[in-house]
C-alpha atoms as a PDB file:
ATOM      1  CA  UNK A   1      68.762  46.203 150.792  1.00  0.00           C
ATOM      2  CA  UNK A   2      66.217  45.389 153.474  1.00  0.00           C
ATOM      3  CA  UNK A   3      66.688  48.867 154.855  1.00  0.00           C
ATOM      4  CA  UNK A   4      65.886  50.301 151.361  1.00  0.00           C
ATOM      5  CA  UNK A   5      62.751  48.168 151.241  1.00  0.00           C
ATOM      6  CA  UNK A   6      61.707  49.343 154.657  1.00  0.00           C
ATOM      7  CA  UNK A   7      62.300  53.046 153.805  1.00  0.00           C
ATOM      8  CA  UNK A   8      61.677  53.375 150.056  1.00  0.00           C
ATOM      9  CA  UNK A   9      60.624  57.008 150.125  1.00  0.00           C
ATOM     10  CA  UNK A  10      63.594  58.174 152.150  1.00  0.00           C
ATOM     11  CA  UNK A  11      66.074  56.205 150.087  1.00  0.00           C
ATOM     12  CA  UNK A  12      64.641  57.458 146.796  1.00  0.00           C
ATOM     13  CA  UNK A  13      64.848  61.032 148.013  1.00  0.00           C
ATOM     14  CA  UNK A  14      68.417  60.539 149.212  1.00  0.00           C
ATOM     15  CA  UNK A  15      69.438  59.003 145.859  1.00  0.00           C
ATOM     16  CA  UNK A  16      67.867  61.886 143.943  1.00  0.00           C
ATOM     17  CA  UNK A  17      69.749  64.358 146.094  1.00  0.00           C
ATOM     18  CA  UNK A  18      73.050  62.554 145.418  1.00  0.00           C
ATOM     19  CA  UNK A  19      72.384  62.552 141.679  1.00  0.00           C
ATOM     20  CA  UNK A  20      71.481  66.267 141.828  1.00  0.00           C
ATOM     21  CA  UNK A  21      74.686  67.105 143.721  1.00  0.00           C
ATOM     22  CA  UNK A  22      76.809  65.184 141.211  1.00  0.00           C
ATOM     23  CA  UNK A  23      75.076  66.986 138.333  1.00  0.00           C
ATOM     24  CA  UNK A  24      75.674  70.358 140.003  1.00  0.00           C
ATOM     25  CA  UNK A  25      79.338  69.548 140.506  1.00  0.00           C
ATOM     26  CA  UNK A  26      79.657  68.524 136.836  1.00  0.00           C
ATOM     27  CA  UNK A  27      77.883  71.731 135.765  1.00  0.00           C
ATOM     28  CA  UNK A  28      80.274  73.791 137.903  1.00  0.00           C
ATOM     29  CA  UNK A  29      83.284  72.190 136.201  1.00  0.00           C
ATOM     30  CA  UNK A  30      81.760  72.810 132.752  1.00  0.00           C
ATOM     31  CA  UNK A  31      81.046  76.447 133.564  1.00  0.00           C
ATOM     32  CA  UNK A  32      84.541  76.853 135.020  1.00  0.00           C
ATOM     33  CA  UNK A  33      86.000  75.562 131.743  1.00  0.00           C
ATOM     34  CA  UNK A  34      83.902  78.023 129.779  1.00  0.00           C
ATOM     35  CA  UNK A  35      84.993  80.823 132.109  1.00  0.00           C
ATOM     36  CA  UNK A  36      88.618  79.889 131.563  1.00  0.00           C
ATOM     37  CA  UNK A  37      88.139  79.918 127.784  1.00  0.00           C
ATOM     38  CA  UNK A  38      86.342  83.268 127.948  1.00  0.00           C
ATOM     39  CA  UNK A  39      89.124  84.721 130.064  1.00  0.00           C
ATOM     40  CA  UNK A  40      91.699  83.494 127.556  1.00  0.00           C
ATOM     41  CA  UNK A  41      89.705  84.999 124.663  1.00  0.00           C
ATOM     42  CA  UNK A  42      89.480  88.268 126.562  1.00  0.00           C
ATOM     43  CA  UNK A  43      93.249  88.298 127.096  1.00  0.00           C
ATOM     44  CA  UNK A  44      93.768  87.609 123.394  1.00  0.00           C
ATOM     45  CA  UNK A  45      91.458  90.458 122.412  1.00  0.00           C
ATOM     46  CA  UNK A  46      93.186  92.831 124.822  1.00  0.00           C
ATOM     47  CA  UNK A  47      96.555  91.826 123.380  1.00  0.00           C
ATOM     48  CA  UNK A  48      95.277  92.344 119.821  1.00  0.00           C
ATOM     49  CA  UNK A  49      93.890  95.739 120.799  1.00  0.00           C
ATOM     50  CA  UNK A  50      97.211  96.758 122.322  1.00  0.00           C
ATOM     51  CA  UNK A  51      99.051  95.524 119.242  1.00  0.00           C
ATOM     52  CA  UNK A  52      96.800  97.513 116.928  1.00  0.00           C
ATOM     53  CA  UNK A  53      97.116 100.627 119.061  1.00  0.00           C
ATOM     54  CA  UNK A  54     100.895 100.318 118.933  1.00  0.00           C
ATOM     55  CA  UNK A  55     100.971 100.117 115.148  1.00  0.00           C
ATOM     56  CA  UNK A  56     102.057 103.065 113.012  1.00  0.00           C
ATOM     57  CA  UNK A  57     100.090 105.024 112.128  1.00  0.00           C
ATOM     58  CA  UNK A  58      97.849 104.684 115.125  1.00  0.00           C
ATOM     59  CA  UNK A  59      94.131 105.444 114.574  1.00  0.00           C
ATOM     60  CA  UNK A  60      94.156 108.922 116.104  1.00  0.00           C
ATOM     61  CA  UNK A  61      92.554 112.164 114.848  1.00  0.00           C
ATOM     62  CA  UNK A  62      95.915 113.578 113.767  1.00  0.00           C
ATOM     63  CA  UNK A  63      96.504 110.651 111.414  1.00  0.00           C
ATOM     64  CA  UNK A  64      92.977 110.977 110.082  1.00  0.00           C
ATOM     65  CA  UNK A  65      93.784 114.565 109.120  1.00  0.00           C
ATOM     66  CA  UNK A  66      96.955 113.415 107.381  1.00  0.00           C
ATOM     67  CA  UNK A  67      94.966 110.838 105.408  1.00  0.00           C
ATOM     68  CA  UNK A  68      92.470 113.490 104.386  1.00  0.00           C
ATOM     69  CA  UNK A  69      95.278 115.795 103.237  1.00  0.00           C
ATOM     70  CA  UNK A  70      96.827 112.970 101.243  1.00  0.00           C
ATOM     71  CA  UNK A  71      93.467 112.168  99.689  1.00  0.00           C
ATOM     72  CA  UNK A  72      93.017 115.814  98.702  1.00  0.00           C
ATOM     73  CA  UNK A  73      96.503 115.833  97.182  1.00  0.00           C
ATOM     74  CA  UNK A  74      95.744 112.780  95.061  1.00  0.00           C
ATOM     75  CA  UNK A  75      92.399 114.186  93.973  1.00  0.00           C
ATOM     76  CA  UNK A  76      94.257 117.299  92.843  1.00  0.00           C
ATOM     77  CA  UNK A  77      96.768 115.098  91.039  1.00  0.00           C
ATOM     78  CA  UNK A  78      93.935 113.224  89.334  1.00  0.00           C
ATOM     79  CA  UNK A  79      92.362 116.492  88.208  1.00  0.00           C
ATOM     80  CA  UNK A  80      95.667 117.732  86.813  1.00  0.00           C
ATOM     81  CA  UNK A  81      96.211 114.450  84.968  1.00  0.00           C
ATOM     82  CA  UNK A  82      92.697 114.588  83.606  1.00  0.00           C
ATOM     83  CA  UNK A  83      93.295 118.115  82.327  1.00  0.00           C
ATOM     84  CA  UNK A  84      96.667 117.059  80.984  1.00  0.00           C
ATOM     85  CA  UNK A  85      95.253 114.261  78.870  1.00  0.00           C
ATOM     86  CA  UNK A  86      92.129 116.213  77.965  1.00  0.00           C
ATOM     87  CA  UNK A  87      94.286 118.979  76.474  1.00  0.00           C
ATOM     88  CA  UNK A  88      95.664 116.569  73.925  1.00  0.00           C
ATOM     89  CA  UNK A  89      98.711 114.846  75.394  1.00  0.00           C
ATOM     90  CA  UNK A  90      99.252 112.053  72.875  1.00  0.00           C
ATOM     91  CA  UNK A  91     101.224 109.310  74.609  1.00  0.00           C
ATOM     92  CA  UNK A  92     100.566 106.982  71.697  1.00  0.00           C
ATOM     93  CA  UNK A  93     102.599 109.279  69.491  1.00  0.00           C
ATOM     94  CA  UNK A  94     105.273 109.581  72.168  1.00  0.00           C
ATOM     95  CA  UNK A  95     105.694 105.830  72.575  1.00  0.00           C
ATOM     96  CA  UNK A  96     105.240 104.985  68.913  1.00  0.00           C
ATOM     97  CA  UNK A  97     104.667 101.460  67.656  1.00  0.00           C
ATOM     98  CA  UNK A  98     106.159  98.773  69.914  1.00  0.00           C
ATOM     99  CA  UNK A  99     108.164  95.863  68.442  1.00  0.00           C
ATOM    100  CA  UNK A 100     106.070  93.003  67.194  1.00  0.00           C
ATOM    101  CA  UNK A 101     108.154  90.236  68.776  1.00  0.00           C
ATOM    102  CA  UNK A 102     111.080  89.602  71.100  1.00  0.00           C
ATOM    103  CA  UNK A 103     113.670  89.628  68.287  1.00  0.00           C
ATOM    104  CA  UNK A 104     112.674  93.108  67.133  1.00  0.00           C
ATOM    105  CA  UNK A 105     112.625  94.265  70.762  1.00  0.00           C
ATOM    106  CA  UNK A 106     116.189  93.018  71.243  1.00  0.00           C
ATOM    107  CA  UNK A 107     117.496  94.787  68.119  1.00  0.00           C
ATOM    108  CA  UNK A 108     115.616  97.936  69.071  1.00  0.00           C
ATOM    109  CA  UNK A 109     117.279  98.019  72.512  1.00  0.00           C
ATOM    110  CA  UNK A 110     120.711  97.114  71.112  1.00  0.00           C
ATOM    111  CA  UNK A 111     120.586  99.840  68.452  1.00  0.00           C
ATOM    112  CA  UNK A 112     119.394 102.430  70.938  1.00  0.00           C
ATOM    113  CA  UNK A 113     122.076 101.499  73.456  1.00  0.00           C
ATOM    114  CA  UNK A 114     124.852 101.754  70.871  1.00  0.00           C
ATOM    115  CA  UNK A 115     123.665 105.147  69.655  1.00  0.00           C
ATOM    116  CA  UNK A 116     123.254 106.483  73.193  1.00  0.00           C
ATOM    117  CA  UNK A 117     126.671 105.304  74.342  1.00  0.00           C
ATOM    118  CA  UNK A 118     128.291 106.843  71.253  1.00  0.00           C
ATOM    119  CA  UNK A 119     126.434 110.112  71.806  1.00  0.00           C
ATOM    120  CA  UNK A 120     127.535 110.469  75.427  1.00  0.00           C
ATOM    121  CA  UNK A 121     130.961 109.035  74.695  1.00  0.00           C
ATOM    122  CA  UNK A 122     131.773 111.655  72.055  1.00  0.00           C
ATOM    123  CA  UNK A 123     131.161 114.331  74.670  1.00  0.00           C
ATOM    124  CA  UNK A 124     133.246 112.530  77.284  1.00  0.00           C
ATOM    125  CA  UNK A 125     130.228 111.893  79.508  1.00  0.00           C
ATOM    126  CA  UNK A 126     130.799 108.116  79.697  1.00  0.00           C
ATOM    127  CA  UNK A 127     134.088 106.832  81.058  1.00  0.00           C
ATOM    128  CA  UNK A 128     133.622 103.091  80.436  1.00  0.00           C
ATOM    129  CA  UNK A 129     131.346 102.592  77.400  1.00  0.00           C
ATOM    130  CA  UNK A 130     131.527  98.799  77.652  1.00  0.00           C
ATOM    131  CA  UNK A 131     130.466  98.759  81.299  1.00  0.00           C
ATOM    132  CA  UNK A 132     127.839 101.501  81.429  1.00  0.00           C
ATOM    133  CA  UNK A 133     124.401 100.250  82.468  1.00  0.00           C
ATOM    134  CA  UNK A 134     121.523 102.140  80.865  1.00  0.00           C
ATOM    135  CA  UNK A 135     118.891 100.054  82.647  1.00  0.00           C
ATOM    136  CA  UNK A 136     118.497  97.313  80.039  1.00  0.00           C
ATOM    137  CA  UNK A 137     121.528  95.172  80.798  1.00  0.00           C
ATOM    138  CA  UNK A 138     119.443  92.015  81.137  1.00  0.00           C
ATOM    139  CA  UNK A 139     118.495  92.399  77.456  1.00  0.00           C
ATOM    140  CA  UNK A 140     122.117  92.537  76.277  1.00  0.00           C
ATOM    141  CA  UNK A 141     121.751  89.119  74.632  1.00  0.00           C
ATOM    142  CA  UNK A 142     118.005  88.619  74.168  1.00  0.00           C
ATOM    143  CA  UNK A 143     114.481  89.617  75.100  1.00  0.00           C
ATOM    144  CA  UNK A 144     112.443  86.650  76.250  1.00  0.00           C
ATOM    145  CA  UNK A 145     109.122  85.945  74.590  1.00  0.00           C
ATOM    146  CA  UNK A 146     107.266  85.803  77.888  1.00  0.00           C
ATOM    147  CA  UNK A 147     108.414  89.294  78.895  1.00  0.00           C
ATOM    148  CA  UNK A 148     106.054  92.283  78.454  1.00  0.00           C
ATOM    149  CA  UNK A 149     107.537  93.660  75.229  1.00  0.00           C
ATOM    150  CA  UNK A 150     105.223  96.676  75.012  1.00  0.00           C
ATOM    151  CA  UNK A 151     105.978  97.718  78.594  1.00  0.00           C
ATOM    152  CA  UNK A 152     109.741  97.313  78.034  1.00  0.00           C
ATOM    153  CA  UNK A 153     109.470  99.393  74.872  1.00  0.00           C
ATOM    154  CA  UNK A 154     107.663 102.180  76.727  1.00  0.00           C
ATOM    155  CA  UNK A 155     110.326 102.179  79.429  1.00  0.00           C
ATOM    156  CA  UNK A 156     113.030 102.398  76.788  1.00  0.00           C
ATOM    157  CA  UNK A 157     111.326 105.423  75.195  1.00  0.00           C
ATOM    158  CA  UNK A 158     111.043 107.177  78.563  1.00  0.00           C
ATOM    159  CA  UNK A 159     114.699 106.492  79.417  1.00  0.00           C
ATOM    160  CA  UNK A 160     115.726 107.839  76.017  1.00  0.00           C
ATOM    161  CA  UNK A 161     113.733 111.022  76.655  1.00  0.00           C
ATOM    162  CA  UNK A 162     115.269 111.464  80.120  1.00  0.00           C
ATOM    163  CA  UNK A 163     118.794 110.920  78.802  1.00  0.00           C
ATOM    164  CA  UNK A 164     118.213 113.523  76.079  1.00  0.00           C
ATOM    165  CA  UNK A 165     117.233 116.030  78.763  1.00  0.00           C
ATOM    166  CA  UNK A 166     120.275 115.081  80.826  1.00  0.00           C
ATOM    167  CA  UNK A 167     122.576 115.399  77.816  1.00  0.00           C
ATOM    168  CA  UNK A 168     121.364 118.961  77.281  1.00  0.00           C
ATOM    169  CA  UNK A 169     122.260 119.709  80.918  1.00  0.00           C
ATOM    170  CA  UNK A 170     125.902 118.696  80.175  1.00  0.00           C
ATOM    171  CA  UNK A 171     126.764 116.415  83.094  1.00  0.00           C
ATOM    172  CA  UNK A 172     130.337 115.527  83.918  1.00  0.00           C
ATOM    173  CA  UNK A 173     129.665 111.781  83.579  1.00  0.00           C
ATOM    174  CA  UNK A 174     126.689 109.464  83.276  1.00  0.00           C
ATOM    175  CA  UNK A 175     127.067 106.747  85.911  1.00  0.00           C
ATOM    176  CA  UNK A 176     124.000 104.507  85.726  1.00  0.00           C
ATOM    177  CA  UNK A 177     120.325 104.252  84.807  1.00  0.00           C
ATOM    178  CA  UNK A 178     117.843 102.031  86.628  1.00  0.00           C
ATOM    179  CA  UNK A 179     114.168 101.311  86.097  1.00  0.00           C
ATOM    180  CA  UNK A 180     111.375  99.478  87.853  1.00  0.00           C
ATOM    181  CA  UNK A 181     110.739  95.856  86.971  1.00  0.00           C
ATOM    182  CA  UNK A 182     108.004  95.865  84.284  1.00  0.00           C
ATOM    183  CA  UNK A 183     106.613  92.583  85.673  1.00  0.00           C
ATOM    184  CA  UNK A 184     106.324  93.809  89.258  1.00  0.00           C
ATOM    185  CA  UNK A 185     102.549  94.272  89.164  1.00  0.00           C
ATOM    186  CA  UNK A 186     101.994  90.777  87.814  1.00  0.00           C
ATOM    187  CA  UNK A 187     104.254  89.387  90.519  1.00  0.00           C
ATOM    188  CA  UNK A 188     102.338  91.332  93.162  1.00  0.00           C
ATOM    189  CA  UNK A 189      99.096  89.786  91.963  1.00  0.00           C
ATOM    190  CA  UNK A 190     100.665  86.331  91.938  1.00  0.00           C
ATOM    191  CA  UNK A 191     101.883  86.765  95.493  1.00  0.00           C
ATOM    192  CA  UNK A 192      98.401  87.915  96.525  1.00  0.00           C
ATOM    193  CA  UNK A 193      96.749  84.827  95.011  1.00  0.00           C
ATOM    194  CA  UNK A 194      99.420  82.471  96.388  1.00  0.00           C
ATOM    195  CA  UNK A 195      99.899  84.170  99.726  1.00  0.00           C
ATOM    196  CA  UNK A 196     100.742  80.985 101.595  1.00  0.00           C
ATOM    197  CA  UNK A 197     103.020  79.572  98.921  1.00  0.00           C
ATOM    198  CA  UNK A 198     106.728  79.832  99.514  1.00  0.00           C
ATOM    199  CA  UNK A 199     108.130  82.411  97.042  1.00  0.00           C
ATOM    200  CA  UNK A 200     110.769  81.319  94.553  1.00  0.00           C
ATOM    201  CA  UNK A 201     113.541  83.819  93.738  1.00  0.00           C
ATOM    202  CA  UNK A 202     113.976  84.993  90.164  1.00  0.00           C
ATOM    203  CA  UNK A 203     117.153  83.459  88.748  1.00  0.00           C
ATOM    204  CA  UNK A 204     117.464  85.738  85.703  1.00  0.00           C
ATOM    205  CA  UNK A 205     116.990  89.034  87.537  1.00  0.00           C
ATOM    206  CA  UNK A 206     119.890  91.356  86.680  1.00  0.00           C
ATOM    207  CA  UNK A 207     121.220  93.367  89.587  1.00  0.00           C
ATOM    208  CA  UNK A 208     121.473  97.046  88.737  1.00  0.00           C
ATOM    209  CA  UNK A 209     118.721  97.104  86.122  1.00  0.00           C
ATOM    210  CA  UNK A 210     115.887  97.414  88.616  1.00  0.00           C
ATOM    211  CA  UNK A 211     115.104  99.368  91.748  1.00  0.00           C
ATOM    212  CA  UNK A 212     111.979  99.853  93.833  1.00  0.00           C
ATOM    213  CA  UNK A 213     110.316 103.085  94.908  1.00  0.00           C
ATOM    214  CA  UNK A 214     109.100 102.883  98.543  1.00  0.00           C
ATOM    215  CA  UNK A 215     105.286 102.722  98.792  1.00  0.00           C
ATOM    216  CA  UNK A 216     105.289 105.901 100.877  1.00  0.00           C
ATOM    217  CA  UNK A 217     106.962 107.814  98.041  1.00  0.00           C
ATOM    218  CA  UNK A 218     105.380 106.464  94.868  1.00  0.00           C
ATOM    219  CA  UNK A 219     102.399 108.195  93.256  1.00  0.00           C
ATOM    220  CA  UNK A 220     100.989 104.883  92.047  1.00  0.00           C
ATOM    221  CA  UNK A 221      97.553 103.926  93.309  1.00  0.00           C
ATOM    222  CA  UNK A 222      96.276 100.610  91.868  1.00  0.00           C
ATOM    223  CA  UNK A 223      93.202 101.075  89.742  1.00  0.00           C
ATOM    224  CA  UNK A 224      93.582 104.859  89.640  1.00  0.00           C
ATOM    225  CA  UNK A 225      97.132 105.997  88.912  1.00  0.00           C
ATOM    226  CA  UNK A 226      99.847 103.934  87.246  1.00  0.00           C
ATOM    227  CA  UNK A 227     103.491 104.902  87.172  1.00  0.00           C
ATOM    228  CA  UNK A 228     106.892 103.797  85.930  1.00  0.00           C
ATOM    229  CA  UNK A 229     109.891 104.731  88.045  1.00  0.00           C
ATOM    230  CA  UNK A 230     113.380 105.576  86.792  1.00  0.00           C
ATOM    231  CA  UNK A 231     116.603 106.497  88.537  1.00  0.00           C
ATOM    232  CA  UNK A 232     119.455 108.407  86.895  1.00  0.00           C
ATOM    233  CA  UNK A 233     122.866 108.649  88.549  1.00  0.00           C
ATOM    234  CA  UNK A 234     125.313 111.191  87.150  1.00  0.00           C
ATOM    235  CA  UNK A 235     128.033 113.595  88.242  1.00  0.00           C
ATOM    236  CA  UNK A 236     128.469 117.293  87.618  1.00  0.00           C
ATOM    237  CA  UNK A 237     128.130 120.703  89.157  1.00  0.00           C
ATOM    238  CA  UNK A 238     125.001 122.081  90.770  1.00  0.00           C
ATOM    239  CA  UNK A 239     124.103 123.949  87.592  1.00  0.00           C
ATOM    240  CA  UNK A 240     123.809 120.602  85.817  1.00  0.00           C
ATOM    241  CA  UNK A 241     121.237 119.339  88.304  1.00  0.00           C
ATOM    242  CA  UNK A 242     119.320 122.610  88.268  1.00  0.00           C
ATOM    243  CA  UNK A 243     119.142 122.672  84.480  1.00  0.00           C
ATOM    244  CA  UNK A 244     118.046 119.029  84.332  1.00  0.00           C
ATOM    245  CA  UNK A 245     115.286 119.443  86.923  1.00  0.00           C
ATOM    246  CA  UNK A 246     114.014 122.662  85.331  1.00  0.00           C
ATOM    247  CA  UNK A 247     113.812 120.889  81.986  1.00  0.00           C
ATOM    248  CA  UNK A 248     111.811 118.035  83.480  1.00  0.00           C
ATOM    249  CA  UNK A 249     109.519 120.421  85.323  1.00  0.00           C
ATOM    250  CA  UNK A 250     108.676 122.163  82.053  1.00  0.00           C
ATOM    251  CA  UNK A 251     108.240 118.880  80.184  1.00  0.00           C
ATOM    252  CA  UNK A 252     105.133 118.271  78.126  1.00  0.00           C
ATOM    253  CA  UNK A 253     104.881 114.755  79.564  1.00  0.00           C
ATOM    254  CA  UNK A 254     103.671 113.635  83.039  1.00  0.00           C
ATOM    255  CA  UNK A 255     107.057 113.383  84.768  1.00  0.00           C
ATOM    256  CA  UNK A 256     107.295 113.803  88.531  1.00  0.00           C
ATOM    257  CA  UNK A 257     110.537 114.120  90.489  1.00  0.00           C
ATOM    258  CA  UNK A 258     110.252 111.971  93.606  1.00  0.00           C
ATOM    259  CA  UNK A 259     113.695 112.179  95.167  1.00  0.00           C
ATOM    260  CA  UNK A 260     117.074 113.859  94.684  1.00  0.00           C
ATOM    261  CA  UNK A 261     120.212 112.749  96.514  1.00  0.00           C
ATOM    262  CA  UNK A 262     123.461 114.752  96.342  1.00  0.00           C
ATOM    263  CA  UNK A 263     126.863 113.395  97.351  1.00  0.00           C
ATOM    264  CA  UNK A 264     130.083 115.424  96.932  1.00  0.00           C
ATOM    265  CA  UNK A 265     132.701 113.332  95.131  1.00  0.00           C
ATOM    266  CA  UNK A 266     135.691 115.580  94.435  1.00  0.00           C
ATOM    267  CA  UNK A 267     136.938 119.169  94.420  1.00  0.00           C
ATOM    268  CA  UNK A 268     139.058 120.351  91.534  1.00  0.00           C
ATOM    269  CA  UNK A 269     141.329 123.358  91.625  1.00  0.00           C
ATOM    270  CA  UNK A 270     140.694 125.967  89.001  1.00  0.00           C
ATOM    271  CA  UNK A 271     142.840 129.087  88.607  1.00  0.00           C
ATOM    272  CA  UNK A 272     141.270 132.520  88.539  1.00  0.00           C
ATOM    273  CA  UNK A 273     144.475 134.014  87.073  1.00  0.00           C
ATOM    274  CA  UNK A 274     144.443 134.707  83.361  1.00  0.00           C
ATOM    275  CA  UNK A 275     147.029 136.320  81.060  1.00  0.00           C
ATOM    276  CA  UNK A 276     150.426 137.333  82.411  1.00  0.00           C
ATOM    277  CA  UNK A 277     150.726 135.704  85.847  1.00  0.00           C
ATOM    278  CA  UNK A 278     153.299 138.211  87.130  1.00  0.00           C
ATOM    279  CA  UNK A 279     151.079 141.193  86.316  1.00  0.00           C
ATOM    280  CA  UNK A 280     148.088 139.520  87.960  1.00  0.00           C
ATOM    281  CA  UNK A 281     150.040 138.755  91.100  1.00  0.00           C
ATOM    282  CA  UNK A 282     151.381 142.317  91.231  1.00  0.00           C
ATOM    283  CA  UNK A 283     147.821 143.710  91.105  1.00  0.00           C
ATOM    284  CA  UNK A 284     146.769 141.403  93.915  1.00  0.00           C
ATOM    285  CA  UNK A 285     149.717 142.341  96.134  1.00  0.00           C
ATOM    286  CA  UNK A 286     149.225 146.049  95.438  1.00  0.00           C
ATOM    287  CA  UNK A 287     145.864 145.790  97.170  1.00  0.00           C
ATOM    288  CA  UNK A 288     147.732 145.041 100.373  1.00  0.00           C
ATOM    289  CA  UNK A 289     149.439 148.444 100.126  1.00  0.00           C
ATOM    290  CA  UNK A 290     146.209 150.368 100.470  1.00  0.00           C
ATOM    291  CA  UNK A 291     145.419 152.281 103.626  1.00  0.00           C
ATOM    292  CA  UNK A 292     142.747 149.716 104.493  1.00  0.00           C
ATOM    293  CA  UNK A 293     144.977 146.780 103.517  1.00  0.00           C
ATOM    294  CA  UNK A 294     146.902 144.471 105.858  1.00  0.00           C
ATOM    295  CA  UNK A 295     150.101 146.564 105.461  1.00  0.00           C
ATOM    296  CA  UNK A 296     148.347 149.810 106.369  1.00  0.00           C
ATOM    297  CA  UNK A 297     149.753 151.624 103.344  1.00  0.00           C
ATOM    298  CA  UNK A 298     153.259 150.216 103.591  1.00  0.00           C
ATOM    299  CA  UNK A 299     155.053 149.289 100.383  1.00  0.00           C
ATOM    300  CA  UNK A 300     155.694 145.730  99.250  1.00  0.00           C
ATOM    301  CA  UNK A 301     158.637 144.929  97.015  1.00  0.00           C
ATOM    302  CA  UNK A 302     156.986 143.058  94.134  1.00  0.00           C
ATOM    303  CA  UNK A 303     160.092 142.965  91.989  1.00  0.00           C
ATOM    304  CA  UNK A 304     160.971 139.611  93.567  1.00  0.00           C
ATOM    305  CA  UNK A 305     158.047 138.031  91.701  1.00  0.00           C
ATOM    306  CA  UNK A 306     159.963 138.288  88.453  1.00  0.00           C
ATOM    307  CA  UNK A 307     162.654 136.065  89.931  1.00  0.00           C
ATOM    308  CA  UNK A 308     160.259 133.321  91.079  1.00  0.00           C
ATOM    309  CA  UNK A 309     160.287 130.029  89.268  1.00  0.00           C
ATOM    310  CA  UNK A 310     157.239 128.236  87.853  1.00  0.00           C
ATOM    311  CA  UNK A 311     156.725 126.089  90.950  1.00  0.00           C
ATOM    312  CA  UNK A 312     156.835 129.072  93.330  1.00  0.00           C
ATOM    313  CA  UNK A 313     154.427 131.038  91.139  1.00  0.00           C
ATOM    314  CA  UNK A 314     152.010 128.096  91.040  1.00  0.00           C
ATOM    315  CA  UNK A 315     151.872 128.041  94.820  1.00  0.00           C
ATOM    316  CA  UNK A 316     151.055 131.764  94.874  1.00  0.00           C
ATOM    317  CA  UNK A 317     148.289 131.594  92.282  1.00  0.00           C
ATOM    318  CA  UNK A 318     144.862 132.269  93.793  1.00  0.00           C
ATOM    319  CA  UNK A 319     142.503 129.327  93.201  1.00  0.00           C
ATOM    320  CA  UNK A 320     138.924 128.356  93.851  1.00  0.00           C
ATOM    321  CA  UNK A 321     137.473 124.873  94.134  1.00  0.00           C
ATOM    322  CA  UNK A 322     135.096 123.353  91.604  1.00  0.00           C
ATOM    323  CA  UNK A 323     132.896 120.859  93.478  1.00  0.00           C
ATOM    324  CA  UNK A 324     131.816 117.833  91.452  1.00  0.00           C
ATOM    325  CA  UNK A 325     128.758 116.124  92.958  1.00  0.00           C
ATOM    326  CA  UNK A 326     127.177 112.751  92.395  1.00  0.00           C
ATOM    327  CA  UNK A 327     123.442 113.144  91.815  1.00  0.00           C
ATOM    328  CA  UNK A 328     120.818 110.411  92.124  1.00  0.00           C
ATOM    329  CA  UNK A 329     117.453 111.522  90.740  1.00  0.00           C
ATOM    330  CA  UNK A 330     114.331 109.363  91.038  1.00  0.00           C
ATOM    331  CA  UNK A 331     111.562 110.139  88.543  1.00  0.00           C
ATOM    332  CA  UNK A 332     108.075 108.740  87.953  1.00  0.00           C
ATOM    333  CA  UNK A 333     106.250 108.767  84.643  1.00  0.00           C
ATOM    334  CA  UNK A 334     102.578 108.871  85.656  1.00  0.00           C
ATOM    335  CA  UNK A 335      99.473 107.877  83.703  1.00  0.00           C
ATOM    336  CA  UNK A 336      95.890 107.112  84.564  1.00  0.00           C
ATOM    337  CA  UNK A 337      94.972 103.461  84.809  1.00  0.00           C
ATOM    338  CA  UNK A 338      93.117 101.890  81.904  1.00  0.00           C
ATOM    339  CA  UNK A 339      89.872 101.909  83.862  1.00  0.00           C
ATOM    340  CA  UNK A 340      90.172 105.684  84.359  1.00  0.00           C
ATOM    341  CA  UNK A 341      91.711 106.611  81.014  1.00  0.00           C
ATOM    342  CA  UNK A 342      88.504 107.062  79.057  1.00  0.00           C
ATOM    343  CA  UNK A 343      86.393 109.752  77.477  1.00  0.00           C
ATOM    344  CA  UNK A 344      84.951 110.545  80.926  1.00  0.00           C
ATOM    345  CA  UNK A 345      88.299 111.605  82.390  1.00  0.00           C
ATOM    346  CA  UNK A 346      87.625 115.380  82.156  1.00  0.00           C
ATOM    347  CA  UNK A 347      84.599 114.911  84.418  1.00  0.00           C
ATOM    348  CA  UNK A 348      86.583 113.461  87.357  1.00  0.00           C
END
């Protein structure tokens, strides 16, 4: 203490230097912490950049061209829809007046289902009338009041139209009809507004009634184009599918075929022999006796055919196979959204 009193200037300077060194050391530690945080943020940004670059589609010029082509395709679709509705397509007349309440909606669906099953059943196109699902199985006992009755009615009208076209194509059998959930858009909005809420599964959802069209396939664009998807599964020959698709392509309503899946199910034997089997077989074998035939002009004793029994003749009958396929056709019924469906549509 005495030494401090004797050298006040030196001691004050020394103390200031100590305080300055301590402050510099503290500042270094603070700046080092900030540097560490900045380095961590930089690593996070680099990782986010790498993650975004690895996503599909990556933001490259080729994908930009694809987006532009897709945009042009949808603008063309919008123009065609605008012309379609401007030329007088009356969907109100097509859909008619929807049921006023859930009870009428239930009886409407029940009556339609009975008539449709009887129609296809009389032609042998439905194997199990009691088990066939026409896409409205969940309404077999009732239509709930909270369900969108008008939307369900419109779907029922579209399915009826599609089944009429399919009936004209004479399929072997009608297997199943599916449709998109009419409440899917409302559920999408609910999920968007409650993004962090744990979703609760629907307990009354009937398996087999509904299906979903992948976003990459659907023509729907919220706020611009609305669509209702339907899937028909049936069996028959290729001519059945061709006739059905041609009919839909020439339809007066905005129907778009989105996907067709073909699966062979069975091959049936069908004889090409008609009339007297012995005479037909003789003609066939006589071809072998020609100079260009397998026998090189040698004779074949065909008299033995008359002695053959039914079983032996059946094995000799020339046959061809009739291939029965299982077809799954996905269709979209497209309309303009309410915001676009106005008197200004032709000017799009």
